[in-house]
Amino acid sequence: MGDISEHSVTPLYSQAIVQAAERQGLALPAELLAELRPDQRVPLTRQDALWEAFCAASADPLAGLRLGLEMQIGHLDSAGMLLVTSDTLGEALDELVEYAPVIGDGGEFSVRHAGEQVFIDYQPDYSVRQAERVEAVLASQLNLTRWATGGRFRAAGLWLSHAPLTGLDDYAQLIECPLHFDAAHNSLGFAEPQLNLPLIQANSSLREHLRQLADQTLATLGQHSLTAEVQRLVRQNPRWGKERVAAELELSGRHLNRRLAQEGLSFKSLRESVLQQMACRALRGEQRVAQIAEQLGFSDEGAFVRAFRRWQGVTPARYRDTSQGRTEFG
């Protein structure tokens, strides 16, 4: 999506890794540290190299988890402060989904409801040290949510799509909630009533100022580009076709296609990629396939099954079956 400048991380997050290495007496490559500037966002490729160097120097399989538990709000840039000045946990999660790219665009957050449970899902878009980095993200979510609610937040558990990186007892000493490995998604789960938990740092006037700063950062990163706007509209209105989306953007269908072509995309491919992502997430829940097909705007269940098989190489039922296996403790 857009140019390479979008694929970056706030220097404050990178600084958290450097500070952790300093506390542990770890030596990171001097040439890598020299490339980190406090006034410049860190390209994702450089962040990959930083994570690799940190984990290799640490030789601790739980280096990412420990880092996440040590993460401070300030390491999350203006987005972190924006989250904790929200009135309730539910409002903070809405802000997280919208403004996470301010922190870094190496992954995507979404909020999923399943029965009386709520899950903050995290989908990483990187491959270098993915397990360690996912553990850092979810551990920081857990720790900072506890802090922001004055210790009132109670997690139902952490779900991780990878296998344990070390013995389960080592995890249990650090994380005081159930852990589920080899899961279908990376998530922090909790009971739905906790969405109404008030945040101890709630501040409406400061929040508006921070939102303006975050909006400015997103605009600089290109997150409000045409591609991003089309993706947003399709997520919100999966039944809409090209003409309806174009009209919402005050464009003709032909002009929309021309503009997307400049970014190497077509409306059809862009819409299908969003629907594919939405379908995979929905299939991890409890909805019937027919309901998912209807919500995503397919003419019938058969049309959805054919499209999903083309996207994933398996039927929705098979995808759901293979997403159920998991190892648990806690």
Protein backbone atom coordinates (compact mmCIF):
# COMPACT_ATOMS: atom_id res chain seq x y z
CA MET A 1 0.00 0.00 0.00
CA GLY A 2 1.61 3.24 -1.11
CA ASP A 3 5.34 3.86 -1.08
CA ILE A 4 8.06 2.46 1.14
CA SER A 5 7.83 5.41 3.55
CA GLU A 6 4.66 3.86 4.95
CA HIS A 7 6.48 0.74 6.11
CA SER A 8 8.03 2.14 9.25
CA VAL A 9 7.92 2.20 13.03
CA THR A 10 8.04 5.09 15.48
CA PRO A 11 11.63 5.62 16.73
CA LEU A 12 10.26 5.48 20.27
CA TYR A 13 9.41 1.78 19.87
CA SER A 14 12.87 1.06 18.51
CA GLN A 15 14.31 2.98 21.45
CA ALA A 16 12.50 0.60 23.81
CA ILE A 17 14.48 -2.28 22.31
CA VAL A 18 17.77 -0.37 22.59
CA GLN A 19 17.03 0.52 26.21
CA ALA A 20 16.20 -3.10 27.03
CA ALA A 21 19.52 -4.19 25.52
CA GLU A 22 21.36 -1.58 27.59
CA ARG A 23 19.69 -2.74 30.81
CA GLN A 24 20.71 -6.30 30.05
CA GLY A 25 24.26 -5.37 29.04
CA LEU A 26 23.76 -6.62 25.48
CA ALA A 27 25.94 -5.32 22.67
CA LEU A 28 24.01 -4.40 19.53
CA PRO A 29 25.84 -3.70 16.22
CA ALA A 30 27.26 -0.17 16.28
CA GLU A 31 26.40 0.39 12.62
CA LEU A 32 22.79 -0.50 13.30
CA LEU A 33 22.55 1.84 16.28
CA ALA A 34 24.11 4.63 14.23
CA GLU A 35 21.25 4.36 11.74
CA LEU A 36 18.61 4.99 14.42
CA ARG A 37 17.69 8.66 14.62
CA PRO A 38 15.35 9.96 17.34
CA ASP A 39 13.69 12.33 14.88
CA GLN A 40 13.11 9.82 12.07
CA ARG A 41 10.78 6.84 11.77
CA VAL A 42 12.56 3.52 11.43
CA PRO A 43 12.06 1.59 8.17
CA LEU A 44 10.56 -1.82 8.79
CA THR A 45 13.59 -3.54 7.28
CA ARG A 46 15.83 -1.80 9.81
CA GLN A 47 13.41 -2.72 12.59
CA ASP A 48 13.70 -6.33 11.41
CA ALA A 49 17.47 -6.12 11.76
CA LEU A 50 17.15 -4.56 15.22
CA TRP A 51 14.87 -7.35 16.43
CA GLU A 52 17.18 -10.02 15.01
CA ALA A 53 20.23 -8.46 16.69
CA PHE A 54 18.41 -8.04 20.01
CA CYS A 55 17.09 -11.61 20.15
CA ALA A 56 20.41 -13.10 19.01
CA ALA A 57 22.40 -11.13 21.60
CA SER A 58 19.91 -12.00 24.34
CA ALA A 59 19.80 -15.75 23.65
CA ASP A 60 16.63 -15.66 25.77
CA PRO A 61 13.64 -17.33 24.08
CA LEU A 62 11.33 -15.00 26.01
CA ALA A 63 13.18 -11.79 25.13
CA GLY A 64 10.14 -10.45 23.28
CA LEU A 65 7.75 -11.30 26.08
CA ARG A 66 9.94 -9.57 28.66
CA LEU A 67 10.28 -6.52 26.42
CA GLY A 68 6.50 -6.28 26.07
CA LEU A 69 6.02 -6.42 29.83
CA GLU A 70 8.52 -3.57 30.24
CA MET A 71 6.98 -1.39 27.52
CA GLN A 72 5.87 2.09 28.59
CA ILE A 73 3.10 4.25 27.13
CA GLY A 74 5.71 6.73 25.91
CA HIS A 75 7.24 4.07 23.64
CA LEU A 76 3.98 4.02 21.66
CA ASP A 77 4.22 7.62 20.44
CA SER A 78 1.16 9.90 20.44
CA ALA A 79 -1.06 6.87 19.83
CA GLY A 80 -0.15 5.42 23.22
CA MET A 81 -1.11 8.60 25.04
CA LEU A 82 -4.28 8.84 22.96
CA LEU A 83 -5.34 5.36 24.07
CA VAL A 84 -4.89 5.96 27.79
CA THR A 85 -6.70 9.33 27.75
CA SER A 86 -9.87 7.64 26.44
CA ASP A 87 -12.80 7.40 28.84
CA THR A 88 -13.25 3.62 28.74
CA LEU A 89 -11.41 0.51 27.61
CA GLY A 90 -13.88 0.07 24.74
CA GLU A 91 -13.16 3.57 23.43
CA ALA A 92 -9.43 2.95 23.73
CA LEU A 93 -9.72 -0.19 21.61
CA ASP A 94 -11.53 1.76 18.89
CA GLU A 95 -8.63 4.21 18.89
CA LEU A 96 -6.12 1.35 18.78
CA VAL A 97 -7.61 -0.11 15.60
CA GLU A 98 -7.59 3.31 13.94
CA TYR A 99 -4.23 4.70 15.09
CA ALA A 100 -1.97 1.65 15.47
CA PRO A 101 -0.04 2.64 12.28
CA VAL A 102 1.32 5.62 14.23
CA ILE A 103 3.21 3.10 16.36
CA GLY A 104 4.17 0.90 13.42
CA ASP A 105 2.57 -0.61 10.36
CA GLY A 106 4.05 -4.08 10.69
CA GLY A 107 0.72 -5.50 11.81
CA GLU A 108 -3.00 -4.87 12.12
CA PHE A 109 -5.37 -4.86 15.10
CA SER A 110 -9.06 -5.71 15.11
CA VAL A 111 -11.69 -6.27 17.79
CA ARG A 112 -13.73 -9.47 17.65
CA HIS A 113 -16.81 -10.40 19.70
CA ALA A 114 -17.56 -14.07 20.38
CA GLY A 115 -20.41 -14.74 22.75
CA GLU A 116 -19.69 -12.93 26.01
CA GLN A 117 -15.98 -12.62 25.21
CA VAL A 118 -14.07 -9.88 23.38
CA PHE A 119 -10.77 -10.49 21.62
CA ILE A 120 -8.17 -7.96 20.51
CA ASP A 121 -6.72 -9.73 17.47
CA TYR A 122 -3.28 -8.91 16.09
CA GLN A 123 -2.24 -9.98 12.59
CA PRO A 124 1.53 -9.47 11.97
CA ASP A 125 2.83 -8.59 8.52
CA TYR A 126 6.49 -9.42 9.14
CA SER A 127 8.44 -12.67 9.20
CA VAL A 128 11.67 -11.85 11.07
CA ARG A 129 11.39 -13.00 14.71
CA GLN A 130 7.62 -13.07 14.33
CA ALA A 131 6.93 -15.14 17.44
CA GLU A 132 9.05 -12.93 19.71
CA ARG A 133 7.51 -9.76 18.29
CA VAL A 134 3.94 -11.01 18.61
CA GLU A 135 4.63 -11.94 22.22
CA ALA A 136 5.98 -8.42 22.79
CA VAL A 137 2.85 -6.84 21.29
CA LEU A 138 0.38 -8.94 23.29
CA ALA A 139 2.36 -8.71 26.53
CA SER A 140 2.48 -4.92 26.23
CA GLN A 141 -1.26 -4.87 25.55
CA LEU A 142 -1.89 -6.93 28.67
CA ASN A 143 0.42 -4.95 30.92
CA LEU A 144 -0.59 -1.47 29.73
CA THR A 145 -4.30 -2.31 29.84
CA ARG A 146 -3.90 -3.38 33.45
CA TRP A 147 -2.08 -0.14 34.20
CA ALA A 148 -4.56 2.07 32.32
CA THR A 149 -7.51 0.59 34.24
CA GLY A 150 -5.84 0.92 37.63
CA GLY A 151 -5.37 -2.83 37.90
CA ARG A 152 -9.04 -3.66 37.40
CA PHE A 153 -8.62 -5.39 34.03
CA ARG A 154 -8.80 -9.18 34.13
CA ALA A 155 -7.66 -11.10 31.06
CA ALA A 156 -9.32 -14.36 30.06
CA GLY A 157 -6.07 -15.32 28.38
CA LEU A 158 -3.54 -14.74 25.64
CA TRP A 159 -3.85 -16.73 22.41
CA LEU A 160 -0.70 -17.22 20.32
CA SER A 161 -0.57 -18.81 16.88
CA HIS A 162 2.95 -20.18 17.38
CA ALA A 163 4.25 -23.05 19.50
CA PRO A 164 5.87 -22.28 22.88
CA LEU A 165 9.39 -20.89 22.52
CA THR A 166 10.47 -22.48 25.81
CA GLY A 167 9.02 -24.43 28.73
CA LEU A 168 5.53 -23.56 29.88
CA ASP A 169 6.74 -22.99 33.44
CA ASP A 170 8.96 -20.18 32.18
CA TYR A 171 5.94 -18.48 30.61
CA ALA A 172 3.86 -18.99 33.74
CA GLN A 173 6.44 -17.15 35.84
CA LEU A 174 6.02 -14.04 33.68
CA ILE A 175 2.38 -14.04 32.54
CA GLU A 176 -0.34 -14.21 35.18
CA CYS A 177 -3.16 -15.37 32.94
CA PRO A 178 -3.97 -18.47 30.84
CA LEU A 179 -1.88 -18.95 27.70
CA HIS A 180 -3.06 -20.81 24.59
CA PHE A 181 -0.54 -21.84 21.93
CA ASP A 182 -0.90 -23.03 18.31
CA ALA A 183 -4.10 -20.99 18.17
CA ALA A 184 -5.88 -19.77 15.07
CA HIS A 185 -5.10 -16.17 15.93
CA ASN A 186 -2.97 -13.93 18.14
CA SER A 187 -5.31 -12.38 20.69
CA LEU A 188 -5.87 -10.92 24.13
CA GLY A 189 -9.28 -12.06 25.40
CA PHE A 190 -11.49 -10.76 28.18
CA ALA A 191 -15.12 -10.64 29.34
CA GLU A 192 -17.28 -8.17 27.41
CA PRO A 193 -18.44 -6.10 30.44
CA GLN A 194 -14.85 -4.92 30.87
CA LEU A 195 -15.24 -2.74 27.78
CA ASN A 196 -16.91 -0.29 30.17
CA LEU A 197 -13.95 -0.11 32.57
CA PRO A 198 -12.98 3.56 33.08
CA LEU A 199 -9.37 4.56 32.40
CA ILE A 200 -7.49 6.32 35.18
CA GLN A 201 -5.84 8.82 32.79
CA ALA A 202 -9.06 9.83 30.97
CA ASN A 203 -8.76 13.40 29.69
CA SER A 204 -11.10 14.59 26.93
CA SER A 205 -9.34 17.88 26.10
CA LEU A 206 -5.90 16.26 25.92
CA ARG A 207 -7.37 13.40 23.91
CA GLU A 208 -8.60 15.76 21.19
CA HIS A 209 -5.15 17.33 20.92
CA LEU A 210 -3.49 13.92 20.72
CA ARG A 211 -5.97 12.79 18.07
CA GLN A 212 -4.98 15.77 15.93
CA LEU A 213 -1.32 14.81 16.29
CA ALA A 214 -2.09 11.20 15.40
CA ASP A 215 -4.13 12.29 12.37
CA GLN A 216 -1.21 14.40 11.17
CA THR A 217 1.12 11.42 11.50
CA LEU A 218 -1.27 9.15 9.61
CA ALA A 219 -1.56 11.71 6.82
CA THR A 220 2.23 11.89 6.60
CA LEU A 221 2.45 8.11 6.43
CA GLY A 222 -0.13 7.94 3.66
CA GLN A 223 -2.59 5.93 5.71
CA HIS A 224 -5.36 8.15 4.36
CA SER A 225 -4.37 7.42 0.78
CA LEU A 226 -6.95 6.33 -1.79
CA THR A 227 -6.03 2.69 -1.29
CA ALA A 228 -6.53 2.96 2.47
CA GLU A 229 -9.86 4.74 1.98
CA VAL A 230 -11.11 2.03 -0.37
CA GLN A 231 -10.05 -0.68 2.10
CA ARG A 232 -11.83 1.12 4.93
CA LEU A 233 -15.06 1.50 2.94
CA VAL A 234 -15.05 -2.16 1.87
CA ARG A 235 -14.48 -3.30 5.47
CA GLN A 236 -17.39 -1.18 6.65
CA ASN A 237 -19.62 -2.01 3.67
CA PRO A 238 -18.53 -5.35 2.16
CA ARG A 239 -21.60 -5.44 -0.10
CA TRP A 240 -20.62 -2.27 -1.93
CA GLY A 241 -19.31 -2.55 -5.46
CA LYS A 242 -16.96 -0.28 -7.38
CA GLU A 243 -19.52 2.35 -8.34
CA ARG A 244 -20.90 2.72 -4.81
CA VAL A 245 -17.42 3.03 -3.30
CA ALA A 246 -16.40 5.50 -6.03
CA ALA A 247 -19.48 7.61 -5.35
CA GLU A 248 -18.64 7.75 -1.65
CA LEU A 249 -15.19 9.05 -2.62
CA GLU A 250 -16.75 11.54 -5.07
CA LEU A 251 -15.17 9.78 -8.04
CA SER A 252 -16.49 7.94 -11.06
CA GLY A 253 -15.90 4.21 -11.25
CA ARG A 254 -13.55 4.71 -14.17
CA HIS A 255 -11.58 7.43 -12.36
CA LEU A 256 -11.30 5.22 -9.27
CA ASN A 257 -9.82 2.42 -11.34
CA ARG A 258 -7.33 4.78 -12.96
CA ARG A 259 -6.22 6.14 -9.60
CA LEU A 260 -5.80 2.66 -8.13
CA ALA A 261 -3.89 1.54 -11.23
CA GLN A 262 -1.31 4.21 -10.41
CA GLU A 263 -0.65 2.29 -7.19
CA GLY A 264 -0.48 -1.01 -9.09
CA LEU A 265 -3.91 -2.17 -7.95
CA SER A 266 -7.42 -2.75 -9.24
CA PHE A 267 -10.66 -2.34 -7.33
CA LYS A 268 -11.49 -6.01 -7.83
CA SER A 269 -8.19 -7.27 -6.40
CA LEU A 270 -8.29 -4.77 -3.54
CA ARG A 271 -11.87 -5.65 -2.59
CA GLU A 272 -11.18 -9.38 -2.75
CA SER A 273 -8.11 -9.06 -0.52
CA VAL A 274 -10.23 -7.27 2.11
CA LEU A 275 -13.05 -9.83 1.82
CA GLN A 276 -10.55 -12.68 2.10
CA GLN A 277 -9.15 -11.22 5.31
CA MET A 278 -12.65 -10.65 6.72
CA ALA A 279 -13.71 -14.17 5.78
CA CYS A 280 -10.72 -15.80 7.48
CA ARG A 281 -11.34 -13.87 10.66
CA ALA A 282 -15.06 -14.64 10.64
CA LEU A 283 -14.40 -18.35 10.17
CA ARG A 284 -12.37 -18.37 13.38
CA GLY A 285 -15.57 -17.48 15.20
CA GLU A 286 -18.88 -19.27 15.57
CA GLN A 287 -20.92 -17.86 12.68
CA ARG A 288 -22.38 -20.24 10.13
CA VAL A 289 -20.79 -20.15 6.68
CA ALA A 290 -24.08 -19.04 5.15
CA GLN A 291 -24.21 -16.05 7.50
CA ILE A 292 -20.64 -15.05 6.62
CA ALA A 293 -21.42 -15.33 2.90
CA GLU A 294 -24.45 -13.09 3.31
CA GLN A 295 -22.58 -10.48 5.36
CA LEU A 296 -19.77 -10.30 2.80
CA GLY A 297 -22.24 -9.67 -0.02
CA PHE A 298 -22.10 -12.99 -1.88
CA SER A 299 -25.18 -14.06 -3.80
CA ASP A 300 -25.28 -17.40 -1.97
CA GLU A 301 -23.17 -19.76 0.10
CA GLY A 302 -21.94 -21.61 -2.97
CA ALA A 303 -20.50 -18.45 -4.50
CA PHE A 304 -18.67 -17.71 -1.26
CA VAL A 305 -17.30 -21.25 -1.03
CA ARG A 306 -15.95 -21.05 -4.59
CA ALA A 307 -14.32 -17.68 -3.93
CA PHE A 308 -12.81 -18.83 -0.64
CA ARG A 309 -11.40 -21.98 -2.23
CA ARG A 310 -9.77 -19.78 -4.87
CA TRP A 311 -8.27 -17.52 -2.19
CA GLN A 312 -7.10 -20.10 0.36
CA GLY A 313 -6.96 -23.36 -1.58
CA VAL A 314 -9.42 -25.03 0.83
CA THR A 315 -13.13 -24.79 1.56
CA PRO A 316 -14.39 -22.59 4.43
CA ALA A 317 -15.33 -25.71 6.39
CA ARG A 318 -11.85 -27.18 5.96
CA TYR A 319 -10.23 -23.87 6.92
CA ARG A 320 -12.34 -23.72 10.08
CA ASP A 321 -11.51 -27.33 10.99
CA THR A 322 -7.75 -26.79 10.68
CA SER A 323 -7.97 -23.62 12.79
CA GLN A 324 -9.29 -25.36 15.89
CA GLY A 325 -6.24 -27.25 17.19
CA ARG A 326 -4.44 -25.57 20.06
CA THR A 327 -2.31 -26.29 23.10
CA GLU A 328 -3.36 -24.69 26.38
CA PHE A 329 -2.15 -24.21 29.91
CA GLY A 330 -3.05 -21.91 32.74
